[in-house]
Amino acid sequence: MIISRVCPFTGALNTMEIDVTDEQIMSWRNGMMIQQAMPNLSADEREFIMTGITPYMWDEMVSDDEHE
């Protein structure tokens, strides 16, 4: 499924192709924990669905520079 989300940090529209079904999306939207509704997805894919944050942006926001 092609999923597009707006990044909350940049406002950019990002799109990912994710192996998820309509039924899984509906289960999550109806209150099931995303890990239970979509156990086949990676943490990065689930994060993108929930928040619109891409793996690249996550790495940028939590860079090692902040910890030095």
C-alpha atoms as a PDB file:
ATOM      1  CA  MET A   1       0.000   0.000   0.000  1.00  0.00           C
ATOM      2  CA  ILE A   2       1.243   3.507  -0.794  1.00  0.00           C
ATOM      3  CA  ILE A   3       1.021   5.693   2.320  1.00  0.00           C
ATOM      4  CA  SER A   4       1.604   9.438   2.308  1.00  0.00           C
ATOM      5  CA  ARG A   5       2.073  11.434   5.485  1.00  0.00           C
ATOM      6  CA  VAL A   6       3.163  14.950   6.353  1.00  0.00           C
ATOM      7  CA  CYS A   7       6.335  15.202   8.421  1.00  0.00           C
ATOM      8  CA  PRO A   8       5.576  17.120  11.625  1.00  0.00           C
ATOM      9  CA  PHE A   9       9.095  18.599  11.638  1.00  0.00           C
ATOM     10  CA  THR A  10       9.414  19.802   8.038  1.00  0.00           C
ATOM     11  CA  GLY A  11       5.848  19.900   6.738  1.00  0.00           C
ATOM     12  CA  ALA A  12       7.022  17.860   3.736  1.00  0.00           C
ATOM     13  CA  LEU A  13       4.717  15.253   2.238  1.00  0.00           C
ATOM     14  CA  ASN A  14       6.504  11.891   2.267  1.00  0.00           C
ATOM     15  CA  THR A  15       5.381   8.656   0.672  1.00  0.00           C
ATOM     16  CA  MET A  16       6.357   5.072   1.449  1.00  0.00           C
ATOM     17  CA  GLU A  17       5.226   1.762   0.002  1.00  0.00           C
ATOM     18  CA  ILE A  18       4.402  -0.423   2.996  1.00  0.00           C
ATOM     19  CA  ASP A  19       3.214  -4.046   3.071  1.00  0.00           C
ATOM     20  CA  VAL A  20       0.045  -3.405   5.058  1.00  0.00           C
ATOM     21  CA  THR A  21      -3.620  -4.198   4.450  1.00  0.00           C
ATOM     22  CA  ASP A  22      -6.739  -2.083   4.819  1.00  0.00           C
ATOM     23  CA  GLU A  23      -7.830  -4.457   7.587  1.00  0.00           C
ATOM     24  CA  GLN A  24      -4.623  -3.843   9.540  1.00  0.00           C
ATOM     25  CA  ILE A  25      -5.020  -0.071   9.207  1.00  0.00           C
ATOM     26  CA  MET A  26      -8.637  -0.268  10.366  1.00  0.00           C
ATOM     27  CA  SER A  27      -7.724  -2.464  13.356  1.00  0.00           C
ATOM     28  CA  TRP A  28      -5.167   0.132  14.431  1.00  0.00           C
ATOM     29  CA  ARG A  29      -7.545   3.044  13.868  1.00  0.00           C
ATOM     30  CA  ASN A  30     -10.152   1.215  15.942  1.00  0.00           C
ATOM     31  CA  GLY A  31      -7.826   1.049  18.938  1.00  0.00           C
ATOM     32  CA  MET A  32      -5.597  -1.978  18.519  1.00  0.00           C
ATOM     33  CA  MET A  33      -1.945  -1.326  19.314  1.00  0.00           C
ATOM     34  CA  ILE A  34      -0.038  -0.840  16.075  1.00  0.00           C
ATOM     35  CA  GLN A  35       2.454  -3.570  17.030  1.00  0.00           C
ATOM     36  CA  GLN A  36      -0.440  -6.027  17.291  1.00  0.00           C
ATOM     37  CA  ALA A  37      -2.301  -4.795  14.218  1.00  0.00           C
ATOM     38  CA  MET A  38       0.815  -4.769  12.020  1.00  0.00           C
ATOM     39  CA  PRO A  39       3.352  -7.237  13.453  1.00  0.00           C
ATOM     40  CA  ASN A  40       4.902  -7.769  10.018  1.00  0.00           C
ATOM     41  CA  LEU A  41       6.119  -4.160   9.789  1.00  0.00           C
ATOM     42  CA  SER A  42       9.392  -2.716  10.995  1.00  0.00           C
ATOM     43  CA  ALA A  43       9.472  -0.128  13.762  1.00  0.00           C
ATOM     44  CA  ASP A  44      10.396   2.490  11.127  1.00  0.00           C
ATOM     45  CA  GLU A  45       7.347   1.626   9.018  1.00  0.00           C
ATOM     46  CA  ARG A  46       5.025   1.750  12.017  1.00  0.00           C
ATOM     47  CA  GLU A  47       6.500   5.096  13.106  1.00  0.00           C
ATOM     48  CA  PHE A  48       5.908   6.507   9.634  1.00  0.00           C
ATOM     49  CA  ILE A  49       2.277   5.376   9.661  1.00  0.00           C
ATOM     50  CA  MET A  50       1.672   6.844  13.136  1.00  0.00           C
ATOM     51  CA  THR A  51       3.565  10.120  12.866  1.00  0.00           C
ATOM     52  CA  GLY A  52       4.796  10.734   9.331  1.00  0.00           C
ATOM     53  CA  ILE A  53       8.407  10.737  10.522  1.00  0.00           C
ATOM     54  CA  THR A  54      10.733   8.986   8.077  1.00  0.00           C
ATOM     55  CA  PRO A  55      13.731   6.938   9.230  1.00  0.00           C
ATOM     56  CA  TYR A  56      16.015   9.636   7.772  1.00  0.00           C
ATOM     57  CA  MET A  57      14.285  12.431   9.673  1.00  0.00           C
ATOM     58  CA  TRP A  58      14.286  10.381  12.886  1.00  0.00           C
ATOM     59  CA  ASP A  59      18.060   9.936  12.553  1.00  0.00           C
ATOM     60  CA  GLU A  60      18.464  13.671  11.907  1.00  0.00           C
ATOM     61  CA  MET A  61      16.397  14.637  14.953  1.00  0.00           C
ATOM     62  CA  VAL A  62      18.204  12.205  17.268  1.00  0.00           C
ATOM     63  CA  SER A  63      21.716  12.696  15.940  1.00  0.00           C
ATOM     64  CA  ASP A  64      24.801  11.859  17.971  1.00  0.00           C
ATOM     65  CA  ASP A  65      25.718  15.558  17.978  1.00  0.00           C
ATOM     66  CA  GLU A  66      23.091  16.149  20.652  1.00  0.00           C
ATOM     67  CA  HIS A  67      24.798  13.675  22.961  1.00  0.00           C
ATOM     68  CA  GLU A  68      28.289  15.190  22.795  1.00  0.00           C
END
